[in-house]
Amino acid sequence: MTNKTPQTEYDSPWKQMLQLYFQDFMLFFFPQAHNEIDWSRGFIFLDQELQQVVRDAELGKRLIDKLVKIYRIGGEEEWLLIHVEVQSQEETVFPKRMFVYNYRIFDRYDRSVASLAVLGDDNINWRPSQFGYDLFGCTVNFQFPIIKLLDYQQRLSELEASRNPFATVVMAHLVAVQTRSNRSQRKQSKLALVRRLYEQGFEREAVVNLLAFIDWMLTLPLDLELEFQQEVEQLEAQQRMQYVTSFERSGIRLGLLEGIELGLELKFGASSLFVMDEVSQIYDIEQLRKIKEGIKTATSIDELRSIYQTADDTPREN
């Protein structure tokens, strides 16, 4: 089995962290806006409503977006909306999409909308923050604030010292970008992030959630993942802490991957193990179980691959 880079799926972990720690997200990335929100009145995610508003305005592929109903301190309007978009790659149409989503949300709710963007791509110079045009004296100038995650590479000491969950999120994201072609370095960086969580004394729930985020963002080939798991167990023994629950999904997945690899070699020979480079990109436990069972009846590698290639064509809900 080769150590080919699996395609990291950023959607699910970012979505979960925004859902769990939205107030921390605003404090970390947009502190001025955070201070103007009346957090005592709570906030509501309007994800389904957002999809209805923009479903016929799909402009390119995004990473994840959120629509949140909030209350402003001393504001004249009873409630307002924050539209957050996390963009994973450079995209020409991105500013236009931000504009389209903003005015469609405004049109739907007749409320002020703040559109905020987090850019997680690897091009330091790509910083879209405006969309507009001028025609016959009619001017549109839509501007939106952006956060460039790569900028935090120059602020690592600040991230290390912060107890905000999104400091860990940013560090994990930076490692994911920087170690795409160096899996050994990724393993070491992943272990360092886990060690930091243990040493900073976060509450158990936060540790579990952040471990899950790190685990999703920093995927490893099977052999390095097994080494990583062993080193984490040693670390937990030294720290006299145990957060096994955060790795239950990973443990089950690793067991299935090992079973699939063994089944492939026994039935189709060592030459079939190239398939593991593709299978190791899959994180759906049920899909992995189907692949493992499929080895029993498959008569060829192509027949086995059809199990997960067909599933990949289906939009995935996280």
C-alpha atoms as a PDB file:
ATOM      1  CA  MET A   1       0.000   0.000   0.000  1.00  0.00           C
ATOM      2  CA  THR A   2       1.390   3.404  -0.967  1.00  0.00           C
ATOM      3  CA  ASN A   3       1.156   6.573   1.088  1.00  0.00           C
ATOM      4  CA  LYS A   4      -0.828   8.509  -1.445  1.00  0.00           C
ATOM      5  CA  THR A   5      -2.485  11.641  -0.093  1.00  0.00           C
ATOM      6  CA  PRO A   6      -6.151  11.052   0.705  1.00  0.00           C
ATOM      7  CA  GLN A   7      -8.485  13.891  -0.208  1.00  0.00           C
ATOM      8  CA  THR A   8      -9.302  15.616   3.070  1.00  0.00           C
ATOM      9  CA  GLU A   9     -12.957  16.496   3.378  1.00  0.00           C
ATOM     10  CA  TYR A  10     -13.251  19.869   5.105  1.00  0.00           C
ATOM     11  CA  ASP A  11     -17.017  20.270   4.946  1.00  0.00           C
ATOM     12  CA  SER A  12     -18.135  18.169   7.899  1.00  0.00           C
ATOM     13  CA  PRO A  13     -15.634  19.355  10.539  1.00  0.00           C
ATOM     14  CA  TRP A  14     -16.070  23.047   9.748  1.00  0.00           C
ATOM     15  CA  LYS A  15     -19.838  22.688   9.817  1.00  0.00           C
ATOM     16  CA  GLN A  16     -19.719  20.998  13.213  1.00  0.00           C
ATOM     17  CA  MET A  17     -17.365  23.558  14.741  1.00  0.00           C
ATOM     18  CA  LEU A  18     -19.452  26.487  13.533  1.00  0.00           C
ATOM     19  CA  GLN A  19     -22.527  24.798  14.965  1.00  0.00           C
ATOM     20  CA  LEU A  20     -20.902  24.082  18.338  1.00  0.00           C
ATOM     21  CA  TYR A  21     -18.870  27.241  18.813  1.00  0.00           C
ATOM     22  CA  PHE A  22     -20.456  30.046  16.802  1.00  0.00           C
ATOM     23  CA  GLN A  23     -19.950  32.638  19.530  1.00  0.00           C
ATOM     24  CA  ASP A  24     -16.273  31.657  19.809  1.00  0.00           C
ATOM     25  CA  PHE A  25     -16.030  31.838  16.008  1.00  0.00           C
ATOM     26  CA  MET A  26     -17.254  35.426  16.001  1.00  0.00           C
ATOM     27  CA  LEU A  27     -15.006  36.390  18.921  1.00  0.00           C
ATOM     28  CA  PHE A  28     -11.930  34.886  17.264  1.00  0.00           C
ATOM     29  CA  PHE A  29     -12.376  36.125  13.694  1.00  0.00           C
ATOM     30  CA  PHE A  30     -14.706  39.151  13.980  1.00  0.00           C
ATOM     31  CA  PRO A  31     -14.281  40.564  17.513  1.00  0.00           C
ATOM     32  CA  GLN A  32     -15.866  43.946  16.779  1.00  0.00           C
ATOM     33  CA  ALA A  33     -19.035  42.327  15.452  1.00  0.00           C
ATOM     34  CA  HIS A  34     -18.976  39.889  18.382  1.00  0.00           C
ATOM     35  CA  ASN A  35     -19.045  42.794  20.833  1.00  0.00           C
ATOM     36  CA  GLU A  36     -22.100  44.304  19.147  1.00  0.00           C
ATOM     37  CA  ILE A  37     -24.203  41.129  19.373  1.00  0.00           C
ATOM     38  CA  ASP A  38     -26.541  40.550  22.309  1.00  0.00           C
ATOM     39  CA  TRP A  39     -25.516  36.974  23.090  1.00  0.00           C
ATOM     40  CA  SER A  40     -27.871  36.859  26.082  1.00  0.00           C
ATOM     41  CA  ARG A  41     -30.771  36.627  23.629  1.00  0.00           C
ATOM     42  CA  GLY A  42     -29.291  33.602  21.906  1.00  0.00           C
ATOM     43  CA  PHE A  43     -28.995  32.910  18.174  1.00  0.00           C
ATOM     44  CA  ILE A  44     -30.633  30.559  15.673  1.00  0.00           C
ATOM     45  CA  PHE A  45     -29.147  28.741  12.686  1.00  0.00           C
ATOM     46  CA  LEU A  46     -31.279  29.026   9.555  1.00  0.00           C
ATOM     47  CA  ASP A  47     -29.487  26.475   7.363  1.00  0.00           C
ATOM     48  CA  GLN A  48     -32.584  24.994   5.743  1.00  0.00           C
ATOM     49  CA  GLU A  49     -33.949  28.456   5.056  1.00  0.00           C
ATOM     50  CA  LEU A  50     -30.634  29.444   3.474  1.00  0.00           C
ATOM     51  CA  GLN A  51     -30.739  26.490   1.094  1.00  0.00           C
ATOM     52  CA  GLN A  52     -34.244  27.486   0.003  1.00  0.00           C
ATOM     53  CA  VAL A  53     -33.131  31.048  -0.652  1.00  0.00           C
ATOM     54  CA  VAL A  54     -30.054  30.162  -2.742  1.00  0.00           C
ATOM     55  CA  ARG A  55     -31.035  26.830  -4.296  1.00  0.00           C
ATOM     56  CA  ASP A  56     -31.450  28.335  -7.766  1.00  0.00           C
ATOM     57  CA  ALA A  57     -28.418  30.573  -7.431  1.00  0.00           C
ATOM     58  CA  GLU A  58     -25.624  28.010  -7.233  1.00  0.00           C
ATOM     59  CA  LEU A  59     -22.524  29.806  -8.383  1.00  0.00           C
ATOM     60  CA  GLY A  60     -19.525  27.541  -8.139  1.00  0.00           C
ATOM     61  CA  LYS A  61     -18.578  25.163  -5.353  1.00  0.00           C
ATOM     62  CA  ARG A  62     -18.346  26.399  -1.795  1.00  0.00           C
ATOM     63  CA  LEU A  63     -16.992  24.731   1.286  1.00  0.00           C
ATOM     64  CA  ILE A  64     -19.746  25.498   3.748  1.00  0.00           C
ATOM     65  CA  ASP A  65     -22.047  28.383   4.574  1.00  0.00           C
ATOM     66  CA  LYS A  66     -24.209  29.317   7.513  1.00  0.00           C
ATOM     67  CA  LEU A  67     -27.087  31.726   8.054  1.00  0.00           C
ATOM     68  CA  VAL A  68     -27.548  32.837  11.651  1.00  0.00           C
ATOM     69  CA  LYS A  69     -30.288  34.946  13.223  1.00  0.00           C
ATOM     70  CA  ILE A  70     -28.805  37.200  15.907  1.00  0.00           C
ATOM     71  CA  TYR A  71     -29.780  40.218  18.037  1.00  0.00           C
ATOM     72  CA  ARG A  72     -27.744  43.403  18.175  1.00  0.00           C
ATOM     73  CA  ILE A  73     -27.105  45.319  21.388  1.00  0.00           C
ATOM     74  CA  GLY A  74     -29.209  48.481  21.343  1.00  0.00           C
ATOM     75  CA  GLY A  75     -30.061  47.961  17.701  1.00  0.00           C
ATOM     76  CA  GLU A  76     -33.128  49.541  16.162  1.00  0.00           C
ATOM     77  CA  GLU A  77     -33.965  46.332  14.323  1.00  0.00           C
ATOM     78  CA  GLU A  78     -35.277  43.505  16.501  1.00  0.00           C
ATOM     79  CA  TRP A  79     -33.053  40.905  14.834  1.00  0.00           C
ATOM     80  CA  LEU A  80     -30.434  40.670  12.092  1.00  0.00           C
ATOM     81  CA  LEU A  81     -28.719  38.019   9.998  1.00  0.00           C
ATOM     82  CA  ILE A  82     -25.134  36.883   9.612  1.00  0.00           C
ATOM     83  CA  HIS A  83     -24.194  34.903   6.508  1.00  0.00           C
ATOM     84  CA  VAL A  84     -20.886  33.041   6.911  1.00  0.00           C
ATOM     85  CA  GLU A  85     -19.113  31.404   4.005  1.00  0.00           C
ATOM     86  CA  VAL A  86     -15.973  29.293   4.343  1.00  0.00           C
ATOM     87  CA  GLN A  87     -14.303  29.030   0.941  1.00  0.00           C
ATOM     88  CA  SER A  88     -11.803  26.248   0.315  1.00  0.00           C
ATOM     89  CA  GLN A  89     -10.321  27.214  -3.042  1.00  0.00           C
ATOM     90  CA  GLU A  90      -9.626  30.180  -5.263  1.00  0.00           C
ATOM     91  CA  GLU A  91     -12.644  30.892  -7.431  1.00  0.00           C
ATOM     92  CA  THR A  92     -13.371  33.761  -9.813  1.00  0.00           C
ATOM     93  CA  VAL A  93     -17.105  33.719  -9.210  1.00  0.00           C
ATOM     94  CA  PHE A  94     -16.809  33.855  -5.405  1.00  0.00           C
ATOM     95  CA  PRO A  95     -17.396  37.631  -4.935  1.00  0.00           C
ATOM     96  CA  LYS A  96     -20.450  37.461  -7.169  1.00  0.00           C
ATOM     97  CA  ARG A  97     -21.836  34.562  -5.138  1.00  0.00           C
ATOM     98  CA  MET A  98     -21.375  36.496  -1.911  1.00  0.00           C
ATOM     99  CA  PHE A  99     -23.323  39.394  -3.453  1.00  0.00           C
ATOM    100  CA  VAL A 100     -26.092  37.192  -4.833  1.00  0.00           C
ATOM    101  CA  TYR A 101     -26.546  35.342  -1.541  1.00  0.00           C
ATOM    102  CA  ASN A 102     -26.556  38.615   0.395  1.00  0.00           C
ATOM    103  CA  TYR A 103     -29.265  40.302  -1.624  1.00  0.00           C
ATOM    104  CA  ARG A 104     -31.384  37.167  -1.859  1.00  0.00           C
ATOM    105  CA  ILE A 105     -31.291  36.753   1.923  1.00  0.00           C
ATOM    106  CA  PHE A 106     -32.137  40.441   2.333  1.00  0.00           C
ATOM    107  CA  ASP A 107     -34.999  40.133  -0.147  1.00  0.00           C
ATOM    108  CA  ARG A 108     -36.379  37.079   1.671  1.00  0.00           C
ATOM    109  CA  TYR A 109     -36.279  38.483   5.214  1.00  0.00           C
ATOM    110  CA  ASP A 110     -36.168  42.277   4.706  1.00  0.00           C
ATOM    111  CA  ARG A 111     -33.463  42.449   7.377  1.00  0.00           C
ATOM    112  CA  SER A 112     -29.895  43.711   7.358  1.00  0.00           C
ATOM    113  CA  VAL A 113     -27.446  40.957   6.404  1.00  0.00           C
ATOM    114  CA  ALA A 114     -23.739  40.832   7.226  1.00  0.00           C
ATOM    115  CA  SER A 115     -21.878  38.517   4.838  1.00  0.00           C
ATOM    116  CA  LEU A 116     -18.562  37.285   6.245  1.00  0.00           C
ATOM    117  CA  ALA A 117     -15.997  35.148   4.423  1.00  0.00           C
ATOM    118  CA  VAL A 118     -13.267  32.815   5.686  1.00  0.00           C
ATOM    119  CA  LEU A 119     -10.776  31.902   2.954  1.00  0.00           C
ATOM    120  CA  GLY A 120      -9.060  28.564   3.461  1.00  0.00           C
ATOM    121  CA  ASP A 121      -7.302  28.303   0.086  1.00  0.00           C
ATOM    122  CA  ASP A 122      -3.522  28.149  -0.381  1.00  0.00           C
ATOM    123  CA  ASN A 123      -3.022  31.290  -2.521  1.00  0.00           C
ATOM    124  CA  ILE A 124      -1.816  34.052  -0.205  1.00  0.00           C
ATOM    125  CA  ASN A 125      -2.607  36.727  -2.805  1.00  0.00           C
ATOM    126  CA  TRP A 126      -6.249  35.786  -3.432  1.00  0.00           C
ATOM    127  CA  ARG A 127      -8.318  38.165  -1.300  1.00  0.00           C
ATOM    128  CA  PRO A 128     -11.714  38.865  -2.880  1.00  0.00           C
ATOM    129  CA  SER A 129     -13.720  41.344  -0.814  1.00  0.00           C
ATOM    130  CA  GLN A 130     -15.803  43.310  -3.284  1.00  0.00           C
ATOM    131  CA  PHE A 131     -18.321  42.898  -6.092  1.00  0.00           C
ATOM    132  CA  GLY A 132     -19.833  45.680  -8.137  1.00  0.00           C
ATOM    133  CA  TYR A 133     -20.357  47.514 -11.386  1.00  0.00           C
ATOM    134  CA  ASP A 134     -21.215  50.969 -12.707  1.00  0.00           C
ATOM    135  CA  LEU A 135     -23.665  51.393 -15.576  1.00  0.00           C
ATOM    136  CA  PHE A 136     -25.115  54.705 -16.736  1.00  0.00           C
ATOM    137  CA  GLY A 137     -24.698  56.250 -13.312  1.00  0.00           C
ATOM    138  CA  CYS A 138     -26.165  53.251 -11.511  1.00  0.00           C
ATOM    139  CA  THR A 139     -23.486  51.955  -9.139  1.00  0.00           C
ATOM    140  CA  VAL A 140     -23.331  48.727  -7.140  1.00  0.00           C
ATOM    141  CA  ASN A 141     -20.458  48.406  -4.675  1.00  0.00           C
ATOM    142  CA  PHE A 142     -20.829  45.412  -2.352  1.00  0.00           C
ATOM    143  CA  GLN A 143     -17.949  44.948   0.083  1.00  0.00           C
ATOM    144  CA  PHE A 144     -17.544  42.166   2.620  1.00  0.00           C
ATOM    145  CA  PRO A 145     -14.922  41.408   5.293  1.00  0.00           C
ATOM    146  CA  ILE A 146     -12.640  38.422   4.800  1.00  0.00           C
ATOM    147  CA  ILE A 147     -10.426  36.291   6.995  1.00  0.00           C
ATOM    148  CA  LYS A 148      -7.420  34.705   5.275  1.00  0.00           C
ATOM    149  CA  LEU A 149      -6.389  31.625   7.222  1.00  0.00           C
ATOM    150  CA  LEU A 150      -2.899  31.636   5.704  1.00  0.00           C
ATOM    151  CA  ASP A 151      -2.252  34.965   7.462  1.00  0.00           C
ATOM    152  CA  TYR A 152      -2.244  33.133  10.774  1.00  0.00           C
ATOM    153  CA  GLN A 153       0.957  31.395   9.745  1.00  0.00           C
ATOM    154  CA  GLN A 154       2.684  34.579  10.944  1.00  0.00           C
ATOM    155  CA  ARG A 155       0.764  34.471  14.235  1.00  0.00           C
ATOM    156  CA  LEU A 156       1.501  30.943  15.444  1.00  0.00           C
ATOM    157  CA  SER A 157       2.616  32.037  18.918  1.00  0.00           C
ATOM    158  CA  GLU A 158      -0.708  33.826  19.321  1.00  0.00           C
ATOM    159  CA  LEU A 159      -2.571  30.710  18.246  1.00  0.00           C
ATOM    160  CA  GLU A 160      -0.565  28.541  20.632  1.00  0.00           C
ATOM    161  CA  ALA A 161      -1.462  30.778  23.566  1.00  0.00           C
ATOM    162  CA  SER A 162      -5.167  31.110  22.759  1.00  0.00           C
ATOM    163  CA  ARG A 163      -7.794  28.968  24.442  1.00  0.00           C
ATOM    164  CA  ASN A 164     -10.427  29.835  21.849  1.00  0.00           C
ATOM    165  CA  PRO A 165     -11.426  26.592  20.044  1.00  0.00           C
ATOM    166  CA  PHE A 166     -10.868  28.279  16.690  1.00  0.00           C
ATOM    167  CA  ALA A 167      -7.175  28.743  17.437  1.00  0.00           C
ATOM    168  CA  THR A 168      -6.930  24.953  17.257  1.00  0.00           C
ATOM    169  CA  VAL A 169      -9.172  24.922  14.187  1.00  0.00           C
ATOM    170  CA  VAL A 170      -6.875  27.349  12.371  1.00  0.00           C
ATOM    171  CA  MET A 171      -3.726  25.456  13.365  1.00  0.00           C
ATOM    172  CA  ALA A 172      -5.195  22.185  12.114  1.00  0.00           C
ATOM    173  CA  HIS A 173      -6.268  23.828   8.866  1.00  0.00           C
ATOM    174  CA  LEU A 174      -2.788  25.285   8.303  1.00  0.00           C
ATOM    175  CA  VAL A 175      -1.176  21.908   8.932  1.00  0.00           C
ATOM    176  CA  ALA A 176      -3.602  20.281   6.498  1.00  0.00           C
ATOM    177  CA  VAL A 177      -2.601  22.734   3.758  1.00  0.00           C
ATOM    178  CA  GLN A 178       1.123  22.568   4.455  1.00  0.00           C
ATOM    179  CA  THR A 179       1.467  18.782   4.719  1.00  0.00           C
ATOM    180  CA  ARG A 180      -0.483  17.632   1.686  1.00  0.00           C
ATOM    181  CA  SER A 181       2.659  16.111   0.216  1.00  0.00           C
ATOM    182  CA  ASN A 182       4.419  15.145   3.453  1.00  0.00           C
ATOM    183  CA  ARG A 183       2.441  12.597   5.404  1.00  0.00           C
ATOM    184  CA  SER A 184       5.163  11.885   7.963  1.00  0.00           C
ATOM    185  CA  GLN A 185       5.276  15.568   8.870  1.00  0.00           C
ATOM    186  CA  ARG A 186       1.485  15.579   9.056  1.00  0.00           C
ATOM    187  CA  LYS A 187       1.559  12.762  11.579  1.00  0.00           C
ATOM    188  CA  GLN A 188       4.045  14.626  13.783  1.00  0.00           C
ATOM    189  CA  SER A 189       2.088  17.881  13.553  1.00  0.00           C
ATOM    190  CA  LYS A 190      -1.151  16.071  14.300  1.00  0.00           C
ATOM    191  CA  LEU A 191       0.373  14.540  17.411  1.00  0.00           C
ATOM    192  CA  ALA A 192       1.686  17.963  18.509  1.00  0.00           C
ATOM    193  CA  LEU A 193      -1.835  19.416  18.234  1.00  0.00           C
ATOM    194  CA  VAL A 194      -3.250  16.590  20.328  1.00  0.00           C
ATOM    195  CA  ARG A 195      -0.518  17.056  22.938  1.00  0.00           C
ATOM    196  CA  ARG A 196      -1.346  20.777  23.114  1.00  0.00           C
ATOM    197  CA  LEU A 197      -4.996  20.008  23.827  1.00  0.00           C
ATOM    198  CA  TYR A 198      -4.078  17.687  26.670  1.00  0.00           C
ATOM    199  CA  GLU A 199      -1.551  20.078  28.190  1.00  0.00           C
ATOM    200  CA  GLN A 200      -3.769  23.169  28.066  1.00  0.00           C
ATOM    201  CA  GLY A 201      -6.398  21.542  30.235  1.00  0.00           C
ATOM    202  CA  PHE A 202      -9.490  22.094  28.105  1.00  0.00           C
ATOM    203  CA  GLU A 203     -12.754  20.688  29.413  1.00  0.00           C
ATOM    204  CA  ARG A 204     -13.449  17.153  28.312  1.00  0.00           C
ATOM    205  CA  GLU A 205     -16.223  18.076  25.869  1.00  0.00           C
ATOM    206  CA  ALA A 206     -14.027  20.640  24.122  1.00  0.00           C
ATOM    207  CA  VAL A 207     -11.141  18.158  23.902  1.00  0.00           C
ATOM    208  CA  VAL A 208     -13.374  15.513  22.344  1.00  0.00           C
ATOM    209  CA  ASN A 209     -14.821  17.948  19.794  1.00  0.00           C
ATOM    210  CA  LEU A 210     -11.423  19.360  18.853  1.00  0.00           C
ATOM    211  CA  LEU A 211      -9.844  15.914  18.624  1.00  0.00           C
ATOM    212  CA  ALA A 212     -12.583  14.935  16.201  1.00  0.00           C
ATOM    213  CA  PHE A 213     -11.895  18.078  14.138  1.00  0.00           C
ATOM    214  CA  ILE A 214      -8.144  17.392  14.049  1.00  0.00           C
ATOM    215  CA  ASP A 215      -8.807  13.767  13.129  1.00  0.00           C
ATOM    216  CA  TRP A 216     -11.041  14.753  10.200  1.00  0.00           C
ATOM    217  CA  MET A 217      -8.769  17.505   8.900  1.00  0.00           C
ATOM    218  CA  LEU A 218      -5.478  15.653   9.151  1.00  0.00           C
ATOM    219  CA  THR A 219      -6.183  12.337   7.479  1.00  0.00           C
ATOM    220  CA  LEU A 220      -3.312   9.873   7.241  1.00  0.00           C
ATOM    221  CA  PRO A 221      -2.588   6.728   5.228  1.00  0.00           C
ATOM    222  CA  LEU A 222      -3.438   3.566   7.115  1.00  0.00           C
ATOM    223  CA  ASP A 223       0.096   2.700   8.239  1.00  0.00           C
ATOM    224  CA  LEU A 224       0.814   6.188   9.614  1.00  0.00           C
ATOM    225  CA  GLU A 225      -2.625   6.367  11.213  1.00  0.00           C
ATOM    226  CA  LEU A 226      -1.885   3.188  13.142  1.00  0.00           C
ATOM    227  CA  GLU A 227       1.419   4.661  14.337  1.00  0.00           C
ATOM    228  CA  PHE A 228      -0.388   7.849  15.332  1.00  0.00           C
ATOM    229  CA  GLN A 229      -2.998   5.933  17.333  1.00  0.00           C
ATOM    230  CA  GLN A 230      -0.259   4.109  19.246  1.00  0.00           C
ATOM    231  CA  GLU A 231       1.531   7.352  20.058  1.00  0.00           C
ATOM    232  CA  VAL A 232      -1.715   8.936  21.249  1.00  0.00           C
ATOM    233  CA  GLU A 233      -2.265   5.992  23.579  1.00  0.00           C
ATOM    234  CA  GLN A 234       1.235   6.509  25.004  1.00  0.00           C
ATOM    235  CA  LEU A 235       0.556  10.220  25.398  1.00  0.00           C
ATOM    236  CA  GLU A 236      -2.707   9.540  27.218  1.00  0.00           C
ATOM    237  CA  ALA A 237      -0.928   7.154  29.544  1.00  0.00           C
ATOM    238  CA  GLN A 238       1.705   9.801  30.336  1.00  0.00           C
ATOM    239  CA  GLN A 239      -0.915  12.493  30.891  1.00  0.00           C
ATOM    240  CA  ARG A 240      -3.193  10.096  32.766  1.00  0.00           C
ATOM    241  CA  MET A 241      -6.030  11.217  30.536  1.00  0.00           C
ATOM    242  CA  GLN A 242      -8.182   9.251  28.188  1.00  0.00           C
ATOM    243  CA  TYR A 243     -10.391  10.606  25.464  1.00  0.00           C
ATOM    244  CA  VAL A 244     -10.915   7.407  23.520  1.00  0.00           C
ATOM    245  CA  THR A 245     -14.434   8.427  22.492  1.00  0.00           C
ATOM    246  CA  SER A 246     -13.070  10.964  20.025  1.00  0.00           C
ATOM    247  CA  PHE A 247     -11.288   8.192  18.169  1.00  0.00           C
ATOM    248  CA  GLU A 248     -14.053   5.579  18.230  1.00  0.00           C
ATOM    249  CA  ARG A 249     -15.048   6.429  14.664  1.00  0.00           C
ATOM    250  CA  SER A 250     -11.429   6.354  13.588  1.00  0.00           C
ATOM    251  CA  GLY A 251     -10.830   3.019  15.322  1.00  0.00           C
ATOM    252  CA  ILE A 252     -13.811   1.372  13.662  1.00  0.00           C
ATOM    253  CA  ARG A 253     -12.723   2.794  10.314  1.00  0.00           C
ATOM    254  CA  LEU A 254      -9.168   1.554  10.728  1.00  0.00           C
ATOM    255  CA  GLY A 255     -10.426  -1.929  11.527  1.00  0.00           C
ATOM    256  CA  LEU A 256     -12.540  -1.946   8.383  1.00  0.00           C
ATOM    257  CA  LEU A 257      -9.673  -0.639   6.241  1.00  0.00           C
ATOM    258  CA  GLU A 258      -7.399  -3.385   7.552  1.00  0.00           C
ATOM    259  CA  GLY A 259     -10.078  -5.975   6.773  1.00  0.00           C
ATOM    260  CA  ILE A 260     -10.559  -4.617   3.261  1.00  0.00           C
ATOM    261  CA  GLU A 261      -6.819  -4.597   2.615  1.00  0.00           C
ATOM    262  CA  LEU A 262      -6.470  -8.195   3.802  1.00  0.00           C
ATOM    263  CA  GLY A 263      -9.508  -9.295   1.792  1.00  0.00           C
ATOM    264  CA  LEU A 264      -8.179  -7.675  -1.372  1.00  0.00           C
ATOM    265  CA  GLU A 265      -4.798  -9.327  -1.068  1.00  0.00           C
ATOM    266  CA  LEU A 266      -6.258 -12.765  -0.350  1.00  0.00           C
ATOM    267  CA  LYS A 267      -8.772 -12.685  -3.178  1.00  0.00           C
ATOM    268  CA  PHE A 268      -7.152 -10.577  -5.899  1.00  0.00           C
ATOM    269  CA  GLY A 269      -3.469 -10.604  -4.959  1.00  0.00           C
ATOM    270  CA  ALA A 270      -1.030  -7.885  -3.922  1.00  0.00           C
ATOM    271  CA  SER A 271      -1.435  -6.090  -7.253  1.00  0.00           C
ATOM    272  CA  SER A 272      -4.972  -5.108  -6.224  1.00  0.00           C
ATOM    273  CA  LEU A 273      -3.821  -3.047  -3.233  1.00  0.00           C
ATOM    274  CA  PHE A 274      -3.685   0.120  -5.334  1.00  0.00           C
ATOM    275  CA  VAL A 275      -7.427   0.279  -4.650  1.00  0.00           C
ATOM    276  CA  MET A 276      -6.629   1.117  -1.020  1.00  0.00           C
ATOM    277  CA  ASP A 277      -5.449   4.566  -2.122  1.00  0.00           C
ATOM    278  CA  GLU A 278      -9.044   5.250  -3.141  1.00  0.00           C
ATOM    279  CA  VAL A 279     -10.755   3.393  -0.306  1.00  0.00           C
ATOM    280  CA  SER A 280      -8.657   5.216   2.316  1.00  0.00           C
ATOM    281  CA  GLN A 281     -10.375   8.454   1.251  1.00  0.00           C
ATOM    282  CA  ILE A 282     -13.758   7.130   2.428  1.00  0.00           C
ATOM    283  CA  TYR A 283     -14.999   8.072   5.899  1.00  0.00           C
ATOM    284  CA  ASP A 284     -18.519   6.693   5.756  1.00  0.00           C
ATOM    285  CA  ILE A 285     -18.448   3.633   8.029  1.00  0.00           C
ATOM    286  CA  GLU A 286     -21.446   1.965   6.378  1.00  0.00           C
ATOM    287  CA  GLN A 287     -19.925   2.395   2.938  1.00  0.00           C
ATOM    288  CA  LEU A 288     -16.695   0.774   4.131  1.00  0.00           C
ATOM    289  CA  ARG A 289     -18.701  -2.137   5.518  1.00  0.00           C
ATOM    290  CA  LYS A 290     -20.365  -2.575   2.111  1.00  0.00           C
ATOM    291  CA  ILE A 291     -16.969  -2.627   0.408  1.00  0.00           C
ATOM    292  CA  LYS A 292     -15.681  -5.236   2.856  1.00  0.00           C
ATOM    293  CA  GLU A 293     -18.734  -7.412   2.274  1.00  0.00           C
ATOM    294  CA  GLY A 294     -18.520  -6.799  -1.472  1.00  0.00           C
ATOM    295  CA  ILE A 295     -15.120  -8.466  -1.654  1.00  0.00           C
ATOM    296  CA  LYS A 296     -16.843 -11.809  -0.976  1.00  0.00           C
ATOM    297  CA  THR A 297     -18.991 -11.660  -4.111  1.00  0.00           C
ATOM    298  CA  ALA A 298     -17.032  -9.369  -6.458  1.00  0.00           C
ATOM    299  CA  THR A 299     -15.505 -11.140  -9.428  1.00  0.00           C
ATOM    300  CA  SER A 300     -13.196  -8.265 -10.418  1.00  0.00           C
ATOM    301  CA  ILE A 301     -11.622  -5.103  -9.030  1.00  0.00           C
ATOM    302  CA  ASP A 302     -13.802  -2.967 -11.308  1.00  0.00           C
ATOM    303  CA  GLU A 303     -16.918  -4.594  -9.888  1.00  0.00           C
ATOM    304  CA  LEU A 304     -15.728  -3.865  -6.356  1.00  0.00           C
ATOM    305  CA  ARG A 305     -14.844  -0.259  -7.187  1.00  0.00           C
ATOM    306  CA  SER A 306     -18.349   0.306  -8.545  1.00  0.00           C
ATOM    307  CA  ILE A 307     -19.647   0.021  -4.966  1.00  0.00           C
ATOM    308  CA  TYR A 308     -17.999   3.235  -3.812  1.00  0.00           C
ATOM    309  CA  GLN A 309     -17.714   5.039  -7.131  1.00  0.00           C
ATOM    310  CA  THR A 310     -21.498   4.931  -7.505  1.00  0.00           C
ATOM    311  CA  ALA A 311     -21.916   6.213  -3.960  1.00  0.00           C
ATOM    312  CA  ASP A 312     -19.503   9.086  -4.650  1.00  0.00           C
ATOM    313  CA  ASP A 313     -21.902  10.399  -7.290  1.00  0.00           C
ATOM    314  CA  THR A 314     -24.574  10.903  -4.661  1.00  0.00           C
ATOM    315  CA  PRO A 315     -24.559  14.240  -2.776  1.00  0.00           C
ATOM    316  CA  ARG A 316     -23.478  13.629   0.809  1.00  0.00           C
ATOM    317  CA  GLU A 317     -25.224  15.071   3.824  1.00  0.00           C
ATOM    318  CA  ASN A 318     -23.065  15.580   6.890  1.00  0.00           C
END
